[in-house]
Amino acid sequence: MREKNTVWRHGALPNYDIVNKLFEEERQTVWPEGSLEEKVQNLVKTWEMEIFHKARLEDFKTLDPNKFTFSLNGRKELSLPEVAKMGGYNPLLQTSLPEEFQCYNPKTLSGDASHEAFLRTFPRGFALEIVRVYLGPPTIVFKFRHWGYNEGPFLGHASTGERVELFGIGIFQIKIENIELFYDRGELLGGLMKGSPQERDGNKAIPSSCPALLNM
């Protein structure tokens, strides 16, 4: 895919060599070249790359910037500018829980801070594979698996070195005009906050406000 004039959010074309190695070593299925499953897998990976790394709406190639909407777990649809404004992992970690019960609050972290937090905790990246495709284009329905290793601190919690996995369902309208994702964000955040609270700058780390984690 030609990216000669693309403006990158972090200043340069992203390098996926390390996470691709993790993907090749631990994926559950090797889809035949040219199969629908492989094409969907490449599409979803490219979409994620664009959402995280492209700074200008006109540089997106997987979706229609003027029609695109995103919805998580049946919530209100967000336009592409709204997704970009939230930034980082924030659009993907929305929740209806009251703020006092949230282990991760998308409203309190900037997009850059969110991105940096996950880069630290997943130094080898957060790999993605398509587990199954239920329906083909123009509407694509698929099951996906995201995984990585908690090898760095996460929001004041020490790393555990354990693998953290997230499974979910996605619905894409092609050329991507609408995306709906359904998953439990607790599968990801619970694994990242199992580590003991750390001290930062000589002071105690800010404790999690999630009651379940406070009692772990």
N, C-alpha and C. Protein backbone atom coordinates (compact mmCIF):
# COMPACT_ATOMS: atom_id res chain seq x y z
N MET A 1 0.85 -1.19 0.00
CA MET A 1 0.00 0.00 0.00
C MET A 1 0.89 1.25 0.00
N ARG A 2 0.72 2.13 -0.99
CA ARG A 2 1.56 3.31 -1.10
C ARG A 2 1.18 4.37 -0.07
N GLU A 3 2.20 4.87 0.63
CA GLU A 3 1.95 5.84 1.70
C GLU A 3 2.90 7.03 1.56
N LYS A 4 3.28 7.38 0.32
CA LYS A 4 4.31 8.39 0.09
C LYS A 4 3.99 9.72 0.74
N ASN A 5 2.75 10.18 0.66
CA ASN A 5 2.39 11.51 1.17
C ASN A 5 1.59 11.47 2.48
N THR A 6 1.54 10.30 3.10
CA THR A 6 0.79 10.16 4.35
C THR A 6 1.44 10.93 5.49
N VAL A 7 0.62 11.60 6.29
CA VAL A 7 1.11 12.28 7.49
C VAL A 7 0.86 11.35 8.67
N TRP A 8 1.94 10.98 9.36
CA TRP A 8 1.85 10.03 10.47
C TRP A 8 1.71 10.74 11.80
N ARG A 9 0.82 10.23 12.63
CA ARG A 9 0.52 10.83 13.93
C ARG A 9 1.75 10.91 14.83
N HIS A 10 2.62 9.90 14.77
CA HIS A 10 3.80 9.87 15.63
C HIS A 10 5.09 10.16 14.86
N GLY A 11 4.95 10.77 13.68
CA GLY A 11 6.11 11.27 12.96
C GLY A 11 6.73 10.35 11.95
N ALA A 12 6.40 9.07 11.95
CA ALA A 12 7.01 8.14 11.00
C ALA A 12 6.11 6.93 10.78
N LEU A 13 6.37 6.23 9.68
CA LEU A 13 5.65 4.99 9.38
C LEU A 13 5.85 4.00 10.52
N PRO A 14 4.78 3.43 11.09
CA PRO A 14 4.94 2.50 12.21
C PRO A 14 5.64 1.21 11.78
N ASN A 15 6.41 0.63 12.71
CA ASN A 15 7.13 -0.62 12.46
C ASN A 15 6.44 -1.74 13.23
N TYR A 16 5.98 -2.75 12.51
CA TYR A 16 5.24 -3.85 13.13
C TYR A 16 6.05 -5.14 13.19
N ASP A 17 7.37 -5.07 13.03
CA ASP A 17 8.19 -6.29 12.99
C ASP A 17 8.05 -7.12 14.27
N ILE A 18 8.08 -6.46 15.43
CA ILE A 18 8.07 -7.20 16.70
C ILE A 18 6.71 -7.88 16.93
N VAL A 19 5.63 -7.14 16.73
CA VAL A 19 4.31 -7.73 16.95
C VAL A 19 3.99 -8.77 15.87
N ASN A 20 4.52 -8.60 14.67
CA ASN A 20 4.32 -9.61 13.63
C ASN A 20 4.99 -10.92 14.01
N LYS A 21 6.14 -10.84 14.69
CA LYS A 21 6.83 -12.04 15.17
C LYS A 21 5.97 -12.76 16.20
N LEU A 22 5.38 -11.99 17.12
CA LEU A 22 4.48 -12.58 18.11
C LEU A 22 3.28 -13.24 17.43
N PHE A 23 2.74 -12.57 16.44
CA PHE A 23 1.60 -13.10 15.68
C PHE A 23 1.95 -14.43 15.03
N GLU A 24 3.09 -14.49 14.36
CA GLU A 24 3.49 -15.72 13.66
C GLU A 24 3.74 -16.86 14.63
N GLU A 25 4.28 -16.55 15.80
CA GLU A 25 4.60 -17.59 16.78
C GLU A 25 3.38 -18.15 17.49
N GLU A 26 2.34 -17.33 17.68
CA GLU A 26 1.25 -17.75 18.57
C GLU A 26 -0.14 -17.71 17.97
N ARG A 27 -0.27 -17.42 16.69
CA ARG A 27 -1.63 -17.42 16.13
C ARG A 27 -2.18 -18.84 16.13
N GLN A 28 -3.48 -18.94 16.22
CA GLN A 28 -4.15 -20.23 16.32
C GLN A 28 -4.39 -20.89 14.97
N THR A 29 -4.51 -20.07 13.93
CA THR A 29 -4.85 -20.59 12.61
C THR A 29 -4.03 -19.89 11.53
N VAL A 30 -3.54 -20.66 10.56
CA VAL A 30 -2.90 -20.09 9.38
C VAL A 30 -3.89 -20.21 8.23
N TRP A 31 -4.48 -19.10 7.85
CA TRP A 31 -5.49 -19.11 6.80
C TRP A 31 -4.82 -19.24 5.43
N PRO A 32 -5.43 -19.97 4.50
CA PRO A 32 -4.86 -20.11 3.16
C PRO A 32 -4.71 -18.74 2.49
N GLU A 33 -3.64 -18.57 1.75
CA GLU A 33 -3.40 -17.31 1.04
C GLU A 33 -4.54 -17.04 0.06
N GLY A 34 -5.07 -15.84 0.11
CA GLY A 34 -6.16 -15.46 -0.78
C GLY A 34 -7.54 -15.82 -0.27
N SER A 35 -7.63 -16.50 0.88
CA SER A 35 -8.93 -16.88 1.43
C SER A 35 -9.65 -15.66 1.99
N LEU A 36 -10.96 -15.79 2.17
CA LEU A 36 -11.74 -14.70 2.74
C LEU A 36 -11.22 -14.35 4.13
N GLU A 37 -10.87 -15.37 4.93
CA GLU A 37 -10.38 -15.14 6.28
C GLU A 37 -9.09 -14.33 6.28
N GLU A 38 -8.18 -14.65 5.37
CA GLU A 38 -6.92 -13.90 5.30
C GLU A 38 -7.17 -12.46 4.87
N LYS A 39 -8.07 -12.27 3.91
CA LYS A 39 -8.38 -10.92 3.44
C LYS A 39 -9.01 -10.08 4.56
N VAL A 40 -9.92 -10.68 5.33
CA VAL A 40 -10.54 -9.96 6.44
C VAL A 40 -9.49 -9.63 7.50
N GLN A 41 -8.61 -10.57 7.79
CA GLN A 41 -7.55 -10.34 8.77
C GLN A 41 -6.67 -9.17 8.36
N ASN A 42 -6.28 -9.13 7.10
CA ASN A 42 -5.45 -8.02 6.61
C ASN A 42 -6.20 -6.70 6.65
N LEU A 43 -7.49 -6.74 6.33
CA LEU A 43 -8.31 -5.52 6.35
C LEU A 43 -8.40 -4.96 7.76
N VAL A 44 -8.70 -5.81 8.74
CA VAL A 44 -8.86 -5.35 10.12
C VAL A 44 -7.53 -4.81 10.66
N LYS A 45 -6.43 -5.49 10.34
CA LYS A 45 -5.12 -5.01 10.79
C LYS A 45 -4.80 -3.65 10.19
N THR A 46 -5.10 -3.48 8.91
CA THR A 46 -4.82 -2.20 8.25
C THR A 46 -5.70 -1.10 8.83
N TRP A 47 -6.97 -1.41 9.10
CA TRP A 47 -7.87 -0.43 9.72
C TRP A 47 -7.33 0.00 11.07
N GLU A 48 -6.90 -0.95 11.90
CA GLU A 48 -6.35 -0.60 13.22
C GLU A 48 -5.12 0.29 13.08
N MET A 49 -4.25 -0.05 12.13
CA MET A 49 -3.05 0.76 11.91
C MET A 49 -3.43 2.18 11.55
N GLU A 50 -4.40 2.35 10.67
CA GLU A 50 -4.80 3.70 10.26
C GLU A 50 -5.41 4.49 11.42
N ILE A 51 -6.26 3.84 12.20
CA ILE A 51 -6.91 4.52 13.33
C ILE A 51 -5.88 5.03 14.33
N PHE A 52 -4.84 4.24 14.58
CA PHE A 52 -3.85 4.60 15.59
C PHE A 52 -2.75 5.52 15.06
N HIS A 53 -2.45 5.46 13.77
CA HIS A 53 -1.23 6.10 13.30
C HIS A 53 -1.39 7.19 12.25
N LYS A 54 -2.53 7.30 11.59
CA LYS A 54 -2.68 8.32 10.55
C LYS A 54 -3.30 9.59 11.12
N ALA A 55 -2.69 10.72 10.76
CA ALA A 55 -3.09 12.00 11.35
C ALA A 55 -4.17 12.71 10.53
N ARG A 56 -4.24 12.45 9.23
CA ARG A 56 -5.20 13.16 8.37
C ARG A 56 -6.28 12.21 7.88
N LEU A 57 -7.52 12.66 7.90
CA LEU A 57 -8.63 11.83 7.47
C LEU A 57 -8.51 11.42 6.01
N GLU A 58 -7.95 12.31 5.19
CA GLU A 58 -7.86 12.01 3.75
C GLU A 58 -6.84 10.92 3.43
N ASP A 59 -6.02 10.53 4.42
CA ASP A 59 -5.02 9.48 4.19
C ASP A 59 -5.56 8.08 4.45
N PHE A 60 -6.77 7.97 4.99
CA PHE A 60 -7.33 6.66 5.27
C PHE A 60 -7.72 5.96 3.97
N LYS A 61 -7.35 4.68 3.84
CA LYS A 61 -7.63 3.92 2.62
C LYS A 61 -8.64 2.79 2.85
N THR A 62 -8.80 2.35 4.09
CA THR A 62 -9.71 1.23 4.34
C THR A 62 -11.16 1.67 4.51
N LEU A 63 -11.37 2.95 4.73
CA LEU A 63 -12.73 3.41 5.05
C LEU A 63 -13.08 4.69 4.31
N ASP A 64 -14.35 5.01 4.33
CA ASP A 64 -14.86 6.24 3.74
C ASP A 64 -14.95 7.28 4.85
N PRO A 65 -14.04 8.27 4.89
CA PRO A 65 -14.02 9.24 6.00
C PRO A 65 -15.33 10.01 6.17
N ASN A 66 -16.07 10.18 5.07
CA ASN A 66 -17.30 10.97 5.13
C ASN A 66 -18.50 10.18 5.65
N LYS A 67 -18.44 8.86 5.56
CA LYS A 67 -19.57 8.03 5.97
C LYS A 67 -19.28 7.18 7.21
N PHE A 68 -18.01 7.05 7.57
CA PHE A 68 -17.61 6.11 8.60
C PHE A 68 -18.24 6.40 9.96
N THR A 69 -18.72 5.34 10.62
CA THR A 69 -19.16 5.43 12.02
C THR A 69 -18.62 4.23 12.78
N PHE A 70 -18.43 4.41 14.07
CA PHE A 70 -17.92 3.34 14.94
C PHE A 70 -18.82 3.21 16.16
N SER A 71 -19.12 1.97 16.53
CA SER A 71 -19.95 1.72 17.70
C SER A 71 -19.37 0.56 18.50
N LEU A 72 -19.33 0.71 19.82
CA LEU A 72 -18.82 -0.34 20.70
C LEU A 72 -19.95 -0.86 21.59
N ASN A 73 -20.20 -2.15 21.52
CA ASN A 73 -21.20 -2.80 22.37
C ASN A 73 -22.57 -2.12 22.30
N GLY A 74 -22.95 -1.68 21.09
CA GLY A 74 -24.27 -1.11 20.87
C GLY A 74 -24.43 0.33 21.29
N ARG A 75 -23.33 1.01 21.63
CA ARG A 75 -23.43 2.41 22.07
C ARG A 75 -23.67 3.34 20.88
N LYS A 76 -23.83 4.61 21.21
CA LYS A 76 -24.03 5.65 20.21
C LYS A 76 -22.88 5.63 19.19
N GLU A 77 -23.24 5.77 17.93
CA GLU A 77 -22.23 5.76 16.88
C GLU A 77 -21.36 7.01 16.94
N LEU A 78 -20.06 6.83 16.68
CA LEU A 78 -19.11 7.93 16.64
C LEU A 78 -18.63 8.13 15.21
N SER A 79 -18.47 9.39 14.80
CA SER A 79 -17.90 9.68 13.49
C SER A 79 -16.39 9.52 13.56
N LEU A 80 -15.73 9.53 12.40
CA LEU A 80 -14.27 9.41 12.37
C LEU A 80 -13.59 10.56 13.12
N PRO A 81 -14.02 11.83 12.95
CA PRO A 81 -13.41 12.90 13.74
C PRO A 81 -13.59 12.70 15.24
N GLU A 82 -14.73 12.15 15.66
CA GLU A 82 -14.95 11.90 17.09
C GLU A 82 -14.02 10.81 17.61
N VAL A 83 -13.82 9.77 16.81
CA VAL A 83 -12.89 8.70 17.18
C VAL A 83 -11.47 9.25 17.29
N ALA A 84 -11.09 10.08 16.30
CA ALA A 84 -9.75 10.66 16.30
C ALA A 84 -9.55 11.58 17.49
N LYS A 85 -10.58 12.33 17.87
CA LYS A 85 -10.47 13.25 19.00
C LYS A 85 -10.26 12.50 20.31
N MET A 86 -10.95 11.38 20.49
CA MET A 86 -10.76 10.58 21.71
C MET A 86 -9.36 9.99 21.74
N GLY A 87 -8.92 9.44 20.62
CA GLY A 87 -7.55 9.00 20.45
C GLY A 87 -7.16 7.76 21.22
N GLY A 88 -6.04 7.15 20.79
CA GLY A 88 -5.49 5.99 21.47
C GLY A 88 -6.50 4.86 21.59
N TYR A 89 -6.49 4.20 22.73
CA TYR A 89 -7.40 3.09 22.98
C TYR A 89 -8.74 3.55 23.54
N ASN A 90 -8.91 4.84 23.74
CA ASN A 90 -10.11 5.34 24.41
C ASN A 90 -11.42 4.96 23.72
N PRO A 91 -11.55 5.07 22.38
CA PRO A 91 -12.81 4.67 21.76
C PRO A 91 -13.11 3.18 21.95
N LEU A 92 -12.05 2.38 22.11
CA LEU A 92 -12.19 0.93 22.22
C LEU A 92 -12.45 0.47 23.65
N LEU A 93 -12.38 1.39 24.61
CA LEU A 93 -12.54 1.03 26.02
C LEU A 93 -13.64 1.83 26.70
N GLN A 94 -14.64 2.24 25.93
CA GLN A 94 -15.79 2.94 26.50
C GLN A 94 -16.57 1.99 27.41
N THR A 95 -17.21 2.55 28.41
CA THR A 95 -18.00 1.74 29.34
C THR A 95 -19.15 2.56 29.90
N SER A 96 -20.21 1.87 30.30
CA SER A 96 -21.35 2.55 30.93
C SER A 96 -21.27 2.49 32.45
N LEU A 97 -20.20 1.91 33.00
CA LEU A 97 -20.04 1.87 34.45
C LEU A 97 -19.91 3.27 35.03
N PRO A 98 -20.46 3.52 36.23
CA PRO A 98 -20.21 4.80 36.90
C PRO A 98 -18.71 5.00 37.09
N GLU A 99 -18.26 6.25 37.06
CA GLU A 99 -16.83 6.52 37.10
C GLU A 99 -16.14 5.93 38.33
N GLU A 100 -16.84 5.89 39.48
CA GLU A 100 -16.20 5.38 40.69
C GLU A 100 -15.92 3.89 40.63
N PHE A 101 -16.51 3.19 39.66
CA PHE A 101 -16.29 1.76 39.52
C PHE A 101 -15.40 1.41 38.32
N GLN A 102 -14.87 2.40 37.65
CA GLN A 102 -14.08 2.16 36.45
C GLN A 102 -12.61 1.92 36.78
N CYS A 103 -12.07 0.84 36.23
CA CYS A 103 -10.64 0.55 36.37
C CYS A 103 -9.82 1.38 35.38
N TYR A 104 -10.44 1.75 34.28
CA TYR A 104 -9.81 2.59 33.25
C TYR A 104 -10.88 3.56 32.77
N ASN A 105 -10.62 4.83 32.91
CA ASN A 105 -11.60 5.85 32.52
C ASN A 105 -11.12 6.58 31.27
N PRO A 106 -11.76 6.34 30.12
CA PRO A 106 -11.32 6.98 28.87
C PRO A 106 -11.38 8.50 28.91
N LYS A 107 -12.17 9.05 29.84
CA LYS A 107 -12.32 10.50 29.90
C LYS A 107 -11.15 11.19 30.61
N THR A 108 -10.34 10.42 31.33
CA THR A 108 -9.26 11.03 32.12
C THR A 108 -7.90 10.93 31.45
N LEU A 109 -7.79 10.18 30.35
CA LEU A 109 -6.52 10.03 29.64
C LEU A 109 -6.63 10.62 28.25
N SER A 110 -5.64 11.38 27.84
CA SER A 110 -5.60 11.87 26.47
C SER A 110 -5.32 10.70 25.54
N GLY A 111 -5.54 10.91 24.26
CA GLY A 111 -5.24 9.86 23.29
C GLY A 111 -3.79 9.43 23.34
N ASP A 112 -2.87 10.41 23.42
CA ASP A 112 -1.44 10.10 23.47
C ASP A 112 -1.08 9.35 24.75
N ALA A 113 -1.65 9.77 25.89
CA ALA A 113 -1.37 9.09 27.16
C ALA A 113 -1.88 7.66 27.13
N SER A 114 -3.05 7.45 26.53
CA SER A 114 -3.60 6.11 26.40
C SER A 114 -2.70 5.23 25.55
N HIS A 115 -2.26 5.77 24.42
CA HIS A 115 -1.39 5.01 23.52
C HIS A 115 -0.09 4.64 24.21
N GLU A 116 0.51 5.58 24.92
CA GLU A 116 1.78 5.34 25.61
C GLU A 116 1.62 4.31 26.72
N ALA A 117 0.48 4.33 27.42
CA ALA A 117 0.25 3.37 28.51
C ALA A 117 0.27 1.94 27.99
N PHE A 118 -0.36 1.72 26.83
CA PHE A 118 -0.40 0.36 26.28
C PHE A 118 0.91 -0.02 25.62
N LEU A 119 1.64 0.94 25.07
CA LEU A 119 2.97 0.64 24.53
C LEU A 119 3.90 0.16 25.64
N ARG A 120 3.80 0.77 26.81
CA ARG A 120 4.65 0.37 27.94
C ARG A 120 4.30 -1.03 28.43
N THR A 121 3.03 -1.31 28.55
CA THR A 121 2.64 -2.61 29.12
C THR A 121 2.78 -3.75 28.12
N PHE A 122 2.70 -3.44 26.81
CA PHE A 122 2.85 -4.45 25.77
C PHE A 122 4.06 -4.12 24.89
N PRO A 123 5.30 -4.29 25.38
CA PRO A 123 6.47 -3.93 24.57
C PRO A 123 6.60 -4.75 23.30
N ARG A 124 5.99 -5.94 23.27
CA ARG A 124 6.01 -6.76 22.05
C ARG A 124 4.74 -6.56 21.21
N GLY A 125 3.92 -5.61 21.62
CA GLY A 125 2.73 -5.31 20.86
C GLY A 125 1.52 -6.12 21.30
N PHE A 126 0.39 -5.81 20.66
CA PHE A 126 -0.90 -6.43 20.96
C PHE A 126 -1.39 -7.07 19.67
N ALA A 127 -1.07 -8.35 19.50
CA ALA A 127 -1.31 -9.03 18.23
C ALA A 127 -2.80 -9.26 17.97
N LEU A 128 -3.14 -9.36 16.70
CA LEU A 128 -4.53 -9.57 16.28
C LEU A 128 -4.61 -10.69 15.26
N GLU A 129 -5.60 -11.55 15.43
CA GLU A 129 -5.90 -12.53 14.39
C GLU A 129 -7.41 -12.70 14.28
N ILE A 130 -7.84 -13.11 13.10
CA ILE A 130 -9.24 -13.44 12.88
C ILE A 130 -9.42 -14.92 13.16
N VAL A 131 -10.34 -15.23 14.06
CA VAL A 131 -10.58 -16.61 14.46
C VAL A 131 -11.58 -17.28 13.52
N ARG A 132 -12.59 -16.51 13.09
CA ARG A 132 -13.61 -17.07 12.21
C ARG A 132 -14.33 -15.95 11.48
N VAL A 133 -14.72 -16.20 10.25
CA VAL A 133 -15.56 -15.27 9.49
C VAL A 133 -16.92 -15.93 9.31
N TYR A 134 -17.96 -15.27 9.81
CA TYR A 134 -19.31 -15.84 9.76
C TYR A 134 -20.07 -15.43 8.51
N LEU A 135 -19.75 -14.24 7.99
CA LEU A 135 -20.49 -13.71 6.84
C LEU A 135 -19.55 -12.89 5.99
N GLY A 136 -19.66 -13.05 4.66
CA GLY A 136 -18.76 -12.34 3.76
C GLY A 136 -19.33 -11.02 3.29
N PRO A 137 -18.55 -10.29 2.47
CA PRO A 137 -18.93 -8.94 2.04
C PRO A 137 -20.24 -8.95 1.24
N PRO A 138 -20.93 -7.77 1.22
CA PRO A 138 -20.47 -6.45 1.69
C PRO A 138 -20.56 -6.24 3.20
N THR A 139 -21.32 -7.05 3.91
CA THR A 139 -21.31 -7.00 5.38
C THR A 139 -20.47 -8.17 5.87
N ILE A 140 -19.41 -7.87 6.64
CA ILE A 140 -18.51 -8.90 7.14
C ILE A 140 -18.72 -9.04 8.64
N VAL A 141 -19.00 -10.25 9.08
CA VAL A 141 -19.15 -10.54 10.51
C VAL A 141 -18.07 -11.54 10.89
N PHE A 142 -17.30 -11.22 11.92
CA PHE A 142 -16.15 -12.07 12.24
C PHE A 142 -15.89 -12.11 13.74
N LYS A 143 -15.18 -13.15 14.16
CA LYS A 143 -14.69 -13.26 15.54
C LYS A 143 -13.19 -12.99 15.52
N PHE A 144 -12.72 -12.18 16.48
CA PHE A 144 -11.29 -11.85 16.52
C PHE A 144 -10.68 -12.16 17.87
N ARG A 145 -9.38 -12.28 17.87
CA ARG A 145 -8.59 -12.51 19.09
C ARG A 145 -7.47 -11.49 19.12
N HIS A 146 -7.34 -10.78 20.24
CA HIS A 146 -6.24 -9.85 20.49
C HIS A 146 -5.45 -10.41 21.67
N TRP A 147 -4.12 -10.38 21.61
CA TRP A 147 -3.35 -10.86 22.76
C TRP A 147 -1.97 -10.20 22.81
N GLY A 148 -1.44 -10.16 24.02
CA GLY A 148 -0.12 -9.61 24.24
C GLY A 148 0.36 -10.04 25.62
N TYR A 149 1.59 -9.65 25.97
CA TYR A 149 2.17 -10.02 27.26
C TYR A 149 2.37 -8.79 28.12
N ASN A 150 1.83 -8.85 29.34
CA ASN A 150 1.90 -7.75 30.29
C ASN A 150 3.32 -7.68 30.87
N GLU A 151 4.23 -7.11 30.08
CA GLU A 151 5.65 -7.08 30.44
C GLU A 151 6.14 -5.70 30.86
N GLY A 152 5.21 -4.79 31.07
CA GLY A 152 5.54 -3.46 31.56
C GLY A 152 4.43 -2.96 32.46
N PRO A 153 4.68 -1.95 33.28
CA PRO A 153 3.66 -1.45 34.20
C PRO A 153 2.46 -0.86 33.45
N PHE A 154 1.31 -0.90 34.11
CA PHE A 154 0.09 -0.34 33.51
C PHE A 154 -0.65 0.49 34.54
N LEU A 155 -0.64 1.80 34.35
CA LEU A 155 -1.38 2.73 35.20
C LEU A 155 -1.16 2.45 36.69
N GLY A 156 0.11 2.33 37.06
CA GLY A 156 0.45 2.15 38.47
C GLY A 156 0.46 0.73 38.96
N HIS A 157 0.20 -0.25 38.08
CA HIS A 157 0.23 -1.65 38.47
C HIS A 157 1.45 -2.33 37.85
N ALA A 158 2.14 -3.13 38.66
CA ALA A 158 3.34 -3.81 38.19
C ALA A 158 2.99 -4.83 37.11
N SER A 159 3.95 -5.12 36.25
CA SER A 159 3.74 -6.14 35.22
C SER A 159 3.72 -7.52 35.85
N THR A 160 3.04 -8.45 35.20
CA THR A 160 2.98 -9.84 35.67
C THR A 160 3.70 -10.79 34.73
N GLY A 161 3.97 -10.34 33.50
CA GLY A 161 4.57 -11.21 32.51
C GLY A 161 3.58 -12.17 31.87
N GLU A 162 2.33 -12.13 32.30
CA GLU A 162 1.33 -13.07 31.81
C GLU A 162 0.73 -12.62 30.47
N ARG A 163 0.25 -13.59 29.73
CA ARG A 163 -0.46 -13.27 28.49
C ARG A 163 -1.86 -12.75 28.83
N VAL A 164 -2.25 -11.70 28.14
CA VAL A 164 -3.59 -11.11 28.30
C VAL A 164 -4.30 -11.25 26.96
N GLU A 165 -5.50 -11.83 26.97
CA GLU A 165 -6.24 -12.08 25.73
C GLU A 165 -7.61 -11.42 25.77
N LEU A 166 -8.07 -11.04 24.60
CA LEU A 166 -9.39 -10.46 24.43
C LEU A 166 -10.02 -11.06 23.18
N PHE A 167 -11.22 -11.60 23.31
CA PHE A 167 -11.98 -12.11 22.17
C PHE A 167 -13.20 -11.23 21.95
N GLY A 168 -13.59 -11.05 20.69
CA GLY A 168 -14.76 -10.23 20.42
C GLY A 168 -15.33 -10.51 19.05
N ILE A 169 -16.43 -9.86 18.76
CA ILE A 169 -17.13 -9.96 17.48
C ILE A 169 -17.10 -8.61 16.79
N GLY A 170 -16.84 -8.59 15.49
CA GLY A 170 -16.83 -7.36 14.72
C GLY A 170 -17.77 -7.44 13.54
N ILE A 171 -18.36 -6.30 13.18
CA ILE A 171 -19.21 -6.19 12.00
C ILE A 171 -18.71 -5.01 11.18
N PHE A 172 -18.24 -5.27 9.98
CA PHE A 172 -17.74 -4.23 9.08
C PHE A 172 -18.66 -4.12 7.87
N GLN A 173 -18.96 -2.89 7.47
CA GLN A 173 -19.64 -2.63 6.20
C GLN A 173 -18.58 -2.16 5.21
N ILE A 174 -18.48 -2.78 4.05
CA ILE A 174 -17.42 -2.51 3.08
C ILE A 174 -17.95 -1.64 1.94
N LYS A 175 -17.09 -0.69 1.35
CA LYS A 175 -15.86 -0.15 1.89
C LYS A 175 -16.17 0.42 3.25
N ILE A 176 -15.30 0.29 4.21
CA ILE A 176 -15.71 0.46 5.59
C ILE A 176 -16.43 1.79 5.80
N GLU A 177 -17.74 1.67 6.00
CA GLU A 177 -18.57 2.83 6.32
C GLU A 177 -19.05 2.76 7.77
N ASN A 178 -19.14 1.55 8.28
CA ASN A 178 -19.62 1.37 9.65
C ASN A 178 -18.90 0.19 10.29
N ILE A 179 -18.49 0.36 11.55
CA ILE A 179 -17.88 -0.73 12.32
C ILE A 179 -18.61 -0.85 13.65
N GLU A 180 -18.99 -2.06 13.97
CA GLU A 180 -19.56 -2.36 15.29
C GLU A 180 -18.70 -3.44 15.92
N LEU A 181 -18.24 -3.21 17.16
CA LEU A 181 -17.46 -4.21 17.89
C LEU A 181 -18.19 -4.56 19.18
N PHE A 182 -18.09 -5.82 19.57
CA PHE A 182 -18.72 -6.31 20.79
C PHE A 182 -17.72 -7.16 21.56
N TYR A 183 -17.37 -6.73 22.76
CA TYR A 183 -16.47 -7.50 23.62
C TYR A 183 -16.52 -6.96 25.03
N ASP A 184 -15.91 -7.71 25.96
CA ASP A 184 -15.84 -7.32 27.37
C ASP A 184 -14.47 -6.73 27.63
N ARG A 185 -14.39 -5.42 27.85
CA ARG A 185 -13.10 -4.78 28.07
C ARG A 185 -12.42 -5.29 29.33
N GLY A 186 -13.20 -5.89 30.25
CA GLY A 186 -12.63 -6.44 31.48
C GLY A 186 -11.67 -7.58 31.23
N GLU A 187 -11.82 -8.30 30.10
CA GLU A 187 -10.88 -9.36 29.76
C GLU A 187 -9.47 -8.79 29.59
N LEU A 188 -9.38 -7.58 29.07
CA LEU A 188 -8.09 -6.92 28.88
C LEU A 188 -7.62 -6.24 30.16
N LEU A 189 -8.45 -5.38 30.72
CA LEU A 189 -8.02 -4.55 31.85
C LEU A 189 -7.79 -5.36 33.11
N GLY A 190 -8.58 -6.42 33.33
CA GLY A 190 -8.38 -7.25 34.51
C GLY A 190 -7.01 -7.88 34.54
N GLY A 191 -6.54 -8.34 33.37
CA GLY A 191 -5.23 -8.95 33.30
C GLY A 191 -4.10 -7.96 33.49
N LEU A 192 -4.34 -6.70 33.10
CA LEU A 192 -3.29 -5.69 33.20
C LEU A 192 -3.18 -5.11 34.60
N MET A 193 -4.20 -5.28 35.42
CA MET A 193 -4.19 -4.69 36.76
C MET A 193 -4.06 -5.72 37.87
N LYS A 194 -3.64 -6.95 37.51
CA LYS A 194 -3.41 -7.99 38.51
C LYS A 194 -2.13 -7.73 39.30
N GLY A 195 -1.18 -7.03 38.69
CA GLY A 195 0.08 -6.75 39.36
C GLY A 195 -0.10 -5.84 40.56
N SER A 196 0.80 -5.95 41.53
CA SER A 196 0.70 -5.13 42.73
C SER A 196 0.90 -3.66 42.39
N PRO A 197 0.23 -2.74 43.12
CA PRO A 197 0.41 -1.30 42.88
C PRO A 197 1.87 -0.91 43.08
N GLN A 198 2.36 -0.01 42.23
CA GLN A 198 3.74 0.45 42.30
C GLN A 198 3.81 1.84 42.89
N GLU A 199 5.00 2.22 43.36
CA GLU A 199 5.24 3.58 43.80
C GLU A 199 5.81 4.37 42.64
N ARG A 200 5.39 5.63 42.55
CA ARG A 200 5.88 6.50 41.48
C ARG A 200 6.37 7.80 42.09
N ASP A 201 7.58 8.19 41.69
CA ASP A 201 8.17 9.46 42.16
C ASP A 201 8.20 9.56 43.68
N GLY A 202 8.45 8.41 44.32
CA GLY A 202 8.58 8.41 45.77
C GLY A 202 7.26 8.40 46.50
N ASN A 203 6.16 8.44 45.78
CA ASN A 203 4.84 8.45 46.41
C ASN A 203 4.11 7.17 46.05
N LYS A 204 3.09 6.84 46.82
CA LYS A 204 2.30 5.67 46.51
C LYS A 204 1.55 5.88 45.21
N ALA A 205 1.46 4.81 44.42
CA ALA A 205 0.71 4.89 43.17
C ALA A 205 -0.76 5.13 43.48
N ILE A 206 -1.44 5.80 42.56
CA ILE A 206 -2.87 6.04 42.72
C ILE A 206 -3.59 4.70 42.67
N PRO A 207 -4.35 4.34 43.70
CA PRO A 207 -5.01 3.03 43.71
C PRO A 207 -6.13 2.96 42.69
N SER A 208 -6.42 1.75 42.24
CA SER A 208 -7.55 1.55 41.34
C SER A 208 -8.84 1.83 42.08
N SER A 209 -9.80 2.42 41.36
CA SER A 209 -11.10 2.68 41.96
C SER A 209 -12.07 1.53 41.72
N CYS A 210 -11.58 0.47 41.06
CA CYS A 210 -12.44 -0.68 40.79
C CYS A 210 -12.53 -1.55 42.03
N PRO A 211 -13.72 -1.74 42.63
CA PRO A 211 -13.85 -2.51 43.86
C PRO A 211 -13.30 -3.92 43.75
N ALA A 212 -13.50 -4.57 42.60
CA ALA A 212 -13.02 -5.94 42.43
C ALA A 212 -11.51 -6.01 42.55
N LEU A 213 -10.83 -5.02 41.97
CA LEU A 213 -9.37 -5.01 42.00
C LEU A 213 -8.84 -4.60 43.35
N LEU A 214 -9.56 -3.76 44.06
CA LEU A 214 -9.12 -3.35 45.40
C LEU A 214 -9.11 -4.54 46.35
N ASN A 215 -9.93 -5.54 46.05
CA ASN A 215 -10.02 -6.69 46.95
C ASN A 215 -9.20 -7.87 46.48
N MET A 216 -8.43 -7.69 45.41
CA MET A 216 -7.63 -8.80 44.90
C MET A 216 -6.39 -9.00 45.76
